């Protein structure tokens, strides 16, 4: 049985970790490298850094943050935000990151996924999908895809179908964020997570909405997630990574020591 992973997520804006609700209302949560070191010590399996304004503002990727993190942190970490080419990815990976996450650029030019996979291997390529329910009050659920930090609807793209296509193009993981649940602490969108997990053969990381430890086990047991991404419950001290893993073990879920 594959070990499930607990992954703190650090949304970075102007060099600081921030967290909001439904992608807005951001508030400061600390220094990214300091938080990364704390989560490493607590036993996190991996880390994800997302430069949440890089695509929108067309800034350079946070290569320097990758370098600083690699000097102090000894678990795998992913960098996302503003990765638009093989050269962008090479800079971040060369600075010490283990994986790159792509979102807006992959939707604009899906061939980017294949190019990255061919150069660095699928295990280095994470497709990030920001999804929002199309008709929240109706049956036959479907989810729209958004880019640029949730600012822009991608016309003609549905989240489950896009996840399937990205996997076929060479992505090694799906980082799946529910925009409806992000920052609400109401729990992951388990229906969305299950729909994507059933549609692809690569791991799905559930993201958006974790507020209680039960939410983590629900995403894995009911949603089929291979990993759970958490932000607020760790950043503001409600729970530790160790407590999250203890909860998962008690629920019968195999995790790393």
C-alpha atoms as a PDB file:
ATOM      1  CA  UNK A   1       0.000   0.000   0.000  1.00  0.00           C
ATOM      2  CA  UNK A   2       1.413   3.391  -0.999  1.00  0.00           C
ATOM      3  CA  UNK A   3       2.160   5.680   1.915  1.00  0.00           C
ATOM      4  CA  UNK A   4      -0.015   8.787   1.921  1.00  0.00           C
ATOM      5  CA  UNK A   5       1.637  12.173   2.225  1.00  0.00           C
ATOM      6  CA  UNK A   6       1.023  15.284   4.306  1.00  0.00           C
ATOM      7  CA  UNK A   7       2.205  18.393   2.452  1.00  0.00           C
ATOM      8  CA  UNK A   8       2.174  21.921   3.886  1.00  0.00           C
ATOM      9  CA  UNK A   9       1.509  24.556   1.225  1.00  0.00           C
ATOM     10  CA  UNK A  10       3.145  27.961   1.337  1.00  0.00           C
ATOM     11  CA  UNK A  11       1.509  30.586  -0.873  1.00  0.00           C
ATOM     12  CA  UNK A  12       4.140  33.274  -1.411  1.00  0.00           C
ATOM     13  CA  UNK A  13       3.554  36.913  -2.285  1.00  0.00           C
ATOM     14  CA  UNK A  14       6.346  39.502  -2.217  1.00  0.00           C
ATOM     15  CA  UNK A  15       8.575  37.116  -0.307  1.00  0.00           C
ATOM     16  CA  UNK A  16       6.078  36.357   2.476  1.00  0.00           C
ATOM     17  CA  UNK A  17       3.701  33.452   3.068  1.00  0.00           C
ATOM     18  CA  UNK A  18       0.067  34.554   2.838  1.00  0.00           C
ATOM     19  CA  UNK A  19      -3.298  32.857   3.146  1.00  0.00           C
ATOM     20  CA  UNK A  20      -6.773  33.956   2.168  1.00  0.00           C
ATOM     21  CA  UNK A  21     -10.269  32.594   1.558  1.00  0.00           C
ATOM     22  CA  UNK A  22     -11.498  31.651  -1.915  1.00  0.00           C
ATOM     23  CA  UNK A  23      -8.235  33.110  -3.289  1.00  0.00           C
ATOM     24  CA  UNK A  24      -8.852  36.609  -1.824  1.00  0.00           C
ATOM     25  CA  UNK A  25      -8.490  38.422   1.505  1.00  0.00           C
ATOM     26  CA  UNK A  26      -4.833  37.532   1.956  1.00  0.00           C
ATOM     27  CA  UNK A  27      -3.130  37.843   5.350  1.00  0.00           C
ATOM     28  CA  UNK A  28       0.469  37.356   6.376  1.00  0.00           C
ATOM     29  CA  UNK A  29       1.544  33.959   7.729  1.00  0.00           C
ATOM     30  CA  UNK A  30       5.304  34.332   8.059  1.00  0.00           C
ATOM     31  CA  UNK A  31       8.675  33.891   6.380  1.00  0.00           C
ATOM     32  CA  UNK A  32       8.645  31.030   3.856  1.00  0.00           C
ATOM     33  CA  UNK A  33      12.044  29.583   4.703  1.00  0.00           C
ATOM     34  CA  UNK A  34      11.403  29.706   8.453  1.00  0.00           C
ATOM     35  CA  UNK A  35       8.058  27.945   8.001  1.00  0.00           C
ATOM     36  CA  UNK A  36       9.632  25.399   5.670  1.00  0.00           C
ATOM     37  CA  UNK A  37      12.237  24.567   8.297  1.00  0.00           C
ATOM     38  CA  UNK A  38       9.553  24.144  10.925  1.00  0.00           C
ATOM     39  CA  UNK A  39       7.541  21.770   8.792  1.00  0.00           C
ATOM     40  CA  UNK A  40      10.650  19.787   7.929  1.00  0.00           C
ATOM     41  CA  UNK A  41      11.336  19.346  11.651  1.00  0.00           C
ATOM     42  CA  UNK A  42       7.718  18.341  12.299  1.00  0.00           C
ATOM     43  CA  UNK A  43       7.916  15.499   9.794  1.00  0.00           C
ATOM     44  CA  UNK A  44       6.225  16.861   6.676  1.00  0.00           C
ATOM     45  CA  UNK A  45       6.687  14.585   3.678  1.00  0.00           C
ATOM     46  CA  UNK A  46       7.061  17.379   1.144  1.00  0.00           C
ATOM     47  CA  UNK A  47       6.470  21.106   0.740  1.00  0.00           C
ATOM     48  CA  UNK A  48       4.807  23.140  -1.989  1.00  0.00           C
ATOM     49  CA  UNK A  49       5.648  26.796  -2.636  1.00  0.00           C
ATOM     50  CA  UNK A  50       3.256  28.656  -4.911  1.00  0.00           C
ATOM     51  CA  UNK A  51       4.136  32.160  -6.021  1.00  0.00           C
ATOM     52  CA  UNK A  52       0.512  33.191  -6.275  1.00  0.00           C
ATOM     53  CA  UNK A  53       1.068  36.364  -8.279  1.00  0.00           C
ATOM     54  CA  UNK A  54       3.886  35.247 -10.575  1.00  0.00           C
ATOM     55  CA  UNK A  55       1.692  34.354 -13.558  1.00  0.00           C
ATOM     56  CA  UNK A  56      -0.558  37.384 -13.197  1.00  0.00           C
ATOM     57  CA  UNK A  57       2.235  39.932 -12.849  1.00  0.00           C
ATOM     58  CA  UNK A  58       4.648  38.125 -15.210  1.00  0.00           C
ATOM     59  CA  UNK A  59       7.370  38.216 -12.561  1.00  0.00           C
ATOM     60  CA  UNK A  60      10.419  35.993 -12.589  1.00  0.00           C
ATOM     61  CA  UNK A  61       9.976  32.706 -10.747  1.00  0.00           C
ATOM     62  CA  UNK A  62      11.115  32.456  -7.159  1.00  0.00           C
ATOM     63  CA  UNK A  63      14.450  30.871  -7.932  1.00  0.00           C
ATOM     64  CA  UNK A  64      16.163  32.563  -5.021  1.00  0.00           C
ATOM     65  CA  UNK A  65      13.561  31.159  -2.623  1.00  0.00           C
ATOM     66  CA  UNK A  66      14.274  27.681  -3.972  1.00  0.00           C
ATOM     67  CA  UNK A  67      17.975  28.200  -3.340  1.00  0.00           C
ATOM     68  CA  UNK A  68      17.449  29.452   0.226  1.00  0.00           C
ATOM     69  CA  UNK A  69      15.078  26.605   0.982  1.00  0.00           C
ATOM     70  CA  UNK A  70      17.406  23.950  -0.391  1.00  0.00           C
ATOM     71  CA  UNK A  71      20.117  25.171   1.984  1.00  0.00           C
ATOM     72  CA  UNK A  72      17.934  24.643   5.058  1.00  0.00           C
ATOM     73  CA  UNK A  73      15.355  21.984   4.220  1.00  0.00           C
ATOM     74  CA  UNK A  74      15.976  18.301   3.573  1.00  0.00           C
ATOM     75  CA  UNK A  75      12.619  17.076   2.289  1.00  0.00           C
ATOM     76  CA  UNK A  76      11.400  17.326  -1.322  1.00  0.00           C
ATOM     77  CA  UNK A  77       9.745  20.563  -2.344  1.00  0.00           C
ATOM     78  CA  UNK A  78       7.825  21.836  -5.344  1.00  0.00           C
ATOM     79  CA  UNK A  79       7.962  25.363  -6.774  1.00  0.00           C
ATOM     80  CA  UNK A  80       5.081  26.772  -8.796  1.00  0.00           C
ATOM     81  CA  UNK A  81       4.118  30.132 -10.214  1.00  0.00           C
ATOM     82  CA  UNK A  82       5.352  31.677 -13.427  1.00  0.00           C
ATOM     83  CA  UNK A  83       6.921  28.509 -14.877  1.00  0.00           C
ATOM     84  CA  UNK A  84       6.442  29.089 -18.592  1.00  0.00           C
ATOM     85  CA  UNK A  85       9.297  27.211 -20.243  1.00  0.00           C
ATOM     86  CA  UNK A  86      11.895  24.494 -19.901  1.00  0.00           C
ATOM     87  CA  UNK A  87      14.427  27.202 -19.043  1.00  0.00           C
ATOM     88  CA  UNK A  88      12.216  28.501 -16.194  1.00  0.00           C
ATOM     89  CA  UNK A  89      11.925  24.990 -14.815  1.00  0.00           C
ATOM     90  CA  UNK A  90      15.655  24.354 -15.202  1.00  0.00           C
ATOM     91  CA  UNK A  91      16.439  27.460 -13.146  1.00  0.00           C
ATOM     92  CA  UNK A  92      14.170  26.407 -10.294  1.00  0.00           C
ATOM     93  CA  UNK A  93      15.252  22.772 -10.309  1.00  0.00           C
ATOM     94  CA  UNK A  94      18.877  23.811 -10.573  1.00  0.00           C
ATOM     95  CA  UNK A  95      18.415  25.978  -7.486  1.00  0.00           C
ATOM     96  CA  UNK A  96      17.340  22.938  -5.482  1.00  0.00           C
ATOM     97  CA  UNK A  97      13.637  22.297  -6.068  1.00  0.00           C
ATOM     98  CA  UNK A  98      12.596  18.692  -6.684  1.00  0.00           C
ATOM     99  CA  UNK A  99       9.504  19.398  -8.802  1.00  0.00           C
ATOM    100  CA  UNK A 100       7.863  22.229 -10.688  1.00  0.00           C
ATOM    101  CA  UNK A 101       4.170  23.012 -10.747  1.00  0.00           C
ATOM    102  CA  UNK A 102       2.596  24.458 -13.877  1.00  0.00           C
ATOM    103  CA  UNK A 103      -0.861  25.919 -14.291  1.00  0.00           C
ATOM    104  CA  UNK A 104      -1.568  28.972 -16.471  1.00  0.00           C
ATOM    105  CA  UNK A 105       1.242  28.347 -18.957  1.00  0.00           C
ATOM    106  CA  UNK A 106       0.199  24.716 -19.455  1.00  0.00           C
ATOM    107  CA  UNK A 107      -3.366  25.731 -20.220  1.00  0.00           C
ATOM    108  CA  UNK A 108      -2.154  28.343 -22.691  1.00  0.00           C
ATOM    109  CA  UNK A 109       0.186  25.826 -24.332  1.00  0.00           C
ATOM    110  CA  UNK A 110      -0.443  22.219 -23.248  1.00  0.00           C
ATOM    111  CA  UNK A 111       2.667  21.047 -25.099  1.00  0.00           C
ATOM    112  CA  UNK A 112       4.677  22.534 -22.221  1.00  0.00           C
ATOM    113  CA  UNK A 113       3.752  19.542 -20.046  1.00  0.00           C
ATOM    114  CA  UNK A 114       5.273  17.107 -22.538  1.00  0.00           C
ATOM    115  CA  UNK A 115       8.368  19.248 -23.013  1.00  0.00           C
ATOM    116  CA  UNK A 116       9.000  19.354 -19.262  1.00  0.00           C
ATOM    117  CA  UNK A 117       8.388  15.625 -18.856  1.00  0.00           C
ATOM    118  CA  UNK A 118      10.748  14.767 -21.701  1.00  0.00           C
ATOM    119  CA  UNK A 119      13.570  16.888 -20.273  1.00  0.00           C
ATOM    120  CA  UNK A 120      13.171  16.338 -16.521  1.00  0.00           C
ATOM    121  CA  UNK A 121      10.944  13.259 -16.232  1.00  0.00           C
ATOM    122  CA  UNK A 122       7.265  13.042 -15.323  1.00  0.00           C
ATOM    123  CA  UNK A 123       8.144  12.729 -11.650  1.00  0.00           C
ATOM    124  CA  UNK A 124       9.256  16.386 -11.719  1.00  0.00           C
ATOM    125  CA  UNK A 125       6.098  17.753 -13.351  1.00  0.00           C
ATOM    126  CA  UNK A 126       3.029  18.668 -11.287  1.00  0.00           C
ATOM    127  CA  UNK A 127      -0.071  19.981 -13.040  1.00  0.00           C
ATOM    128  CA  UNK A 128      -1.873  22.443 -10.770  1.00  0.00           C
ATOM    129  CA  UNK A 129      -5.597  22.823 -11.384  1.00  0.00           C
ATOM    130  CA  UNK A 130      -7.730  25.509  -9.746  1.00  0.00           C
ATOM    131  CA  UNK A 131     -11.310  24.282 -10.095  1.00  0.00           C
ATOM    132  CA  UNK A 132     -14.682  25.800  -9.268  1.00  0.00           C
ATOM    133  CA  UNK A 133     -18.088  24.160  -9.502  1.00  0.00           C
ATOM    134  CA  UNK A 134     -19.927  25.131 -12.651  1.00  0.00           C
ATOM    135  CA  UNK A 135     -23.454  24.797 -11.259  1.00  0.00           C
ATOM    136  CA  UNK A 136     -23.206  24.363  -7.477  1.00  0.00           C
ATOM    137  CA  UNK A 137     -26.963  23.830  -7.020  1.00  0.00           C
ATOM    138  CA  UNK A 138     -27.453  21.265  -9.789  1.00  0.00           C
ATOM    139  CA  UNK A 139     -26.671  17.593 -10.212  1.00  0.00           C
ATOM    140  CA  UNK A 140     -24.155  16.105 -12.648  1.00  0.00           C
ATOM    141  CA  UNK A 141     -21.343  18.087 -11.119  1.00  0.00           C
ATOM    142  CA  UNK A 142     -18.677  19.628 -13.307  1.00  0.00           C
ATOM    143  CA  UNK A 143     -15.919  22.082 -12.496  1.00  0.00           C
ATOM    144  CA  UNK A 144     -14.574  25.056 -14.432  1.00  0.00           C
ATOM    145  CA  UNK A 145     -10.852  25.762 -14.585  1.00  0.00           C
ATOM    146  CA  UNK A 146      -9.362  29.127 -13.586  1.00  0.00           C
ATOM    147  CA  UNK A 147      -5.899  30.642 -14.030  1.00  0.00           C
ATOM    148  CA  UNK A 148      -3.914  33.665 -12.848  1.00  0.00           C
ATOM    149  CA  UNK A 149      -4.572  33.050  -9.184  1.00  0.00           C
ATOM    150  CA  UNK A 150      -8.242  32.348  -9.763  1.00  0.00           C
ATOM    151  CA  UNK A 151      -8.805  35.602 -11.641  1.00  0.00           C
ATOM    152  CA  UNK A 152      -9.567  34.243 -15.098  1.00  0.00           C
ATOM    153  CA  UNK A 153     -11.991  31.568 -16.289  1.00  0.00           C
ATOM    154  CA  UNK A 154     -10.575  29.296 -18.980  1.00  0.00           C
ATOM    155  CA  UNK A 155     -13.318  28.981 -21.561  1.00  0.00           C
ATOM    156  CA  UNK A 156     -14.008  25.462 -22.793  1.00  0.00           C
ATOM    157  CA  UNK A 157     -11.984  23.671 -20.124  1.00  0.00           C
ATOM    158  CA  UNK A 158     -13.480  21.283 -17.577  1.00  0.00           C
ATOM    159  CA  UNK A 159     -11.313  20.252 -14.647  1.00  0.00           C
ATOM    160  CA  UNK A 160     -11.671  16.465 -14.803  1.00  0.00           C
ATOM    161  CA  UNK A 161     -11.091  16.354 -18.551  1.00  0.00           C
ATOM    162  CA  UNK A 162      -8.092  18.679 -18.238  1.00  0.00           C
ATOM    163  CA  UNK A 163      -6.555  16.497 -15.513  1.00  0.00           C
ATOM    164  CA  UNK A 164      -6.909  13.472 -17.766  1.00  0.00           C
ATOM    165  CA  UNK A 165      -5.307  15.279 -20.712  1.00  0.00           C
ATOM    166  CA  UNK A 166      -2.447  16.594 -18.561  1.00  0.00           C
ATOM    167  CA  UNK A 167      -1.710  13.080 -17.309  1.00  0.00           C
ATOM    168  CA  UNK A 168      -1.681  11.783 -20.874  1.00  0.00           C
ATOM    169  CA  UNK A 169       0.737  14.551 -21.849  1.00  0.00           C
ATOM    170  CA  UNK A 170       3.208  13.498 -19.167  1.00  0.00           C
ATOM    171  CA  UNK A 171       2.334  15.142 -15.852  1.00  0.00           C
ATOM    172  CA  UNK A 172       3.367  13.032 -12.880  1.00  0.00           C
ATOM    173  CA  UNK A 173       0.936  14.436 -10.297  1.00  0.00           C
ATOM    174  CA  UNK A 174      -2.194  16.564 -10.080  1.00  0.00           C
ATOM    175  CA  UNK A 175      -2.337  19.343  -7.496  1.00  0.00           C
ATOM    176  CA  UNK A 176      -6.089  19.837  -7.327  1.00  0.00           C
ATOM    177  CA  UNK A 177      -7.412  22.931  -5.554  1.00  0.00           C
ATOM    178  CA  UNK A 178     -11.097  23.569  -4.948  1.00  0.00           C
ATOM    179  CA  UNK A 179     -11.634  27.302  -5.258  1.00  0.00           C
ATOM    180  CA  UNK A 180     -15.010  26.901  -3.559  1.00  0.00           C
ATOM    181  CA  UNK A 181     -13.361  25.461  -0.451  1.00  0.00           C
ATOM    182  CA  UNK A 182     -10.006  27.253  -0.408  1.00  0.00           C
ATOM    183  CA  UNK A 183      -9.377  28.843   2.984  1.00  0.00           C
ATOM    184  CA  UNK A 184     -12.876  28.121   4.257  1.00  0.00           C
ATOM    185  CA  UNK A 185     -11.804  25.317   6.655  1.00  0.00           C
ATOM    186  CA  UNK A 186     -15.035  23.513   5.630  1.00  0.00           C
ATOM    187  CA  UNK A 187     -13.205  20.479   4.252  1.00  0.00           C
ATOM    188  CA  UNK A 188     -11.947  19.426   0.847  1.00  0.00           C
ATOM    189  CA  UNK A 189     -14.314  19.046  -2.092  1.00  0.00           C
ATOM    190  CA  UNK A 190     -14.355  15.259  -1.838  1.00  0.00           C
ATOM    191  CA  UNK A 191     -16.587  14.858  -4.884  1.00  0.00           C
ATOM    192  CA  UNK A 192     -14.141  16.811  -7.040  1.00  0.00           C
ATOM    193  CA  UNK A 193     -11.181  14.894  -5.628  1.00  0.00           C
ATOM    194  CA  UNK A 194     -12.834  11.542  -6.286  1.00  0.00           C
ATOM    195  CA  UNK A 195     -13.841  12.521  -9.831  1.00  0.00           C
ATOM    196  CA  UNK A 196     -10.265  13.412 -10.740  1.00  0.00           C
ATOM    197  CA  UNK A 197      -8.731  10.465  -8.858  1.00  0.00           C
ATOM    198  CA  UNK A 198     -10.961   8.086 -10.803  1.00  0.00           C
ATOM    199  CA  UNK A 199     -10.078   9.765 -14.094  1.00  0.00           C
ATOM    200  CA  UNK A 200      -6.272   9.581 -13.878  1.00  0.00           C
ATOM    201  CA  UNK A 201      -3.669   6.975 -12.996  1.00  0.00           C
ATOM    202  CA  UNK A 202      -1.250   9.458 -11.411  1.00  0.00           C
ATOM    203  CA  UNK A 203      -1.369  10.693  -7.796  1.00  0.00           C
ATOM    204  CA  UNK A 204      -3.841  13.419  -6.887  1.00  0.00           C
ATOM    205  CA  UNK A 205      -3.004  15.924  -4.150  1.00  0.00           C
ATOM    206  CA  UNK A 206      -6.172  17.273  -2.530  1.00  0.00           C
ATOM    207  CA  UNK A 207      -6.058  21.000  -1.788  1.00  0.00           C
ATOM    208  CA  UNK A 208      -8.425  23.662  -0.526  1.00  0.00           C
ATOM    209  CA  UNK A 209     -10.537  23.597   2.622  1.00  0.00           C
ATOM    210  CA  UNK A 210      -8.718  21.626   5.312  1.00  0.00           C
ATOM    211  CA  UNK A 211      -9.886  22.829   8.706  1.00  0.00           C
ATOM    212  CA  UNK A 212     -10.086  19.694  10.850  1.00  0.00           C
ATOM    213  CA  UNK A 213      -8.008  16.544  10.907  1.00  0.00           C
ATOM    214  CA  UNK A 214     -11.040  14.518   9.835  1.00  0.00           C
ATOM    215  CA  UNK A 215     -10.973  16.417   6.561  1.00  0.00           C
ATOM    216  CA  UNK A 216      -7.579  14.912   5.742  1.00  0.00           C
ATOM    217  CA  UNK A 217      -8.713  11.335   6.203  1.00  0.00           C
ATOM    218  CA  UNK A 218     -11.920  12.019   4.254  1.00  0.00           C
ATOM    219  CA  UNK A 219      -9.931  13.291   1.265  1.00  0.00           C
ATOM    220  CA  UNK A 220      -7.897  10.088   1.241  1.00  0.00           C
ATOM    221  CA  UNK A 221     -10.510   7.488   2.145  1.00  0.00           C
ATOM    222  CA  UNK A 222     -13.490   9.013   0.313  1.00  0.00           C
ATOM    223  CA  UNK A 223     -11.784  11.201  -2.280  1.00  0.00           C
ATOM    224  CA  UNK A 224      -9.040   8.822  -3.327  1.00  0.00           C
ATOM    225  CA  UNK A 225      -6.269  11.371  -2.778  1.00  0.00           C
ATOM    226  CA  UNK A 226      -2.689  10.156  -2.491  1.00  0.00           C
ATOM    227  CA  UNK A 227      -1.698  13.260  -0.536  1.00  0.00           C
ATOM    228  CA  UNK A 228      -3.301  16.158   1.324  1.00  0.00           C
ATOM    229  CA  UNK A 229      -2.162  19.752   1.032  1.00  0.00           C
ATOM    230  CA  UNK A 230      -2.734  21.972   4.065  1.00  0.00           C
ATOM    231  CA  UNK A 231      -2.063  25.616   4.837  1.00  0.00           C
ATOM    232  CA  UNK A 232      -4.128  27.437   7.470  1.00  0.00           C
ATOM    233  CA  UNK A 233      -4.340  24.609  10.002  1.00  0.00           C
ATOM    234  CA  UNK A 234      -0.541  24.455  10.116  1.00  0.00           C
ATOM    235  CA  UNK A 235       0.424  28.103   9.570  1.00  0.00           C
ATOM    236  CA  UNK A 236      -1.673  29.439  12.436  1.00  0.00           C
ATOM    237  CA  UNK A 237      -0.906  26.652  14.896  1.00  0.00           C
ATOM    238  CA  UNK A 238      -4.229  24.819  15.040  1.00  0.00           C
ATOM    239  CA  UNK A 239      -2.521  21.490  14.378  1.00  0.00           C
ATOM    240  CA  UNK A 240       0.985  20.212  13.727  1.00  0.00           C
ATOM    241  CA  UNK A 241       2.124  17.894  10.973  1.00  0.00           C
ATOM    242  CA  UNK A 242       2.739  15.252  13.642  1.00  0.00           C
ATOM    243  CA  UNK A 243      -0.846  15.486  14.872  1.00  0.00           C
ATOM    244  CA  UNK A 244      -2.092  15.152  11.313  1.00  0.00           C
ATOM    245  CA  UNK A 245      -0.077  11.979  10.799  1.00  0.00           C
ATOM    246  CA  UNK A 246      -1.207  10.520  14.116  1.00  0.00           C
ATOM    247  CA  UNK A 247      -4.807  11.104  13.056  1.00  0.00           C
ATOM    248  CA  UNK A 248      -4.272   9.419   9.700  1.00  0.00           C
ATOM    249  CA  UNK A 249      -2.649   6.404  11.333  1.00  0.00           C
ATOM    250  CA  UNK A 250      -5.585   6.101  13.737  1.00  0.00           C
ATOM    251  CA  UNK A 251      -7.894   6.108  10.698  1.00  0.00           C
ATOM    252  CA  UNK A 252      -6.004   3.147   9.247  1.00  0.00           C
ATOM    253  CA  UNK A 253      -4.081   5.160   6.672  1.00  0.00           C
ATOM    254  CA  UNK A 254      -0.410   4.309   6.136  1.00  0.00           C
ATOM    255  CA  UNK A 255       1.891   7.319   6.410  1.00  0.00           C
ATOM    256  CA  UNK A 256       5.626   7.834   6.749  1.00  0.00           C
ATOM    257  CA  UNK A 257       7.050   7.875  10.263  1.00  0.00           C
END
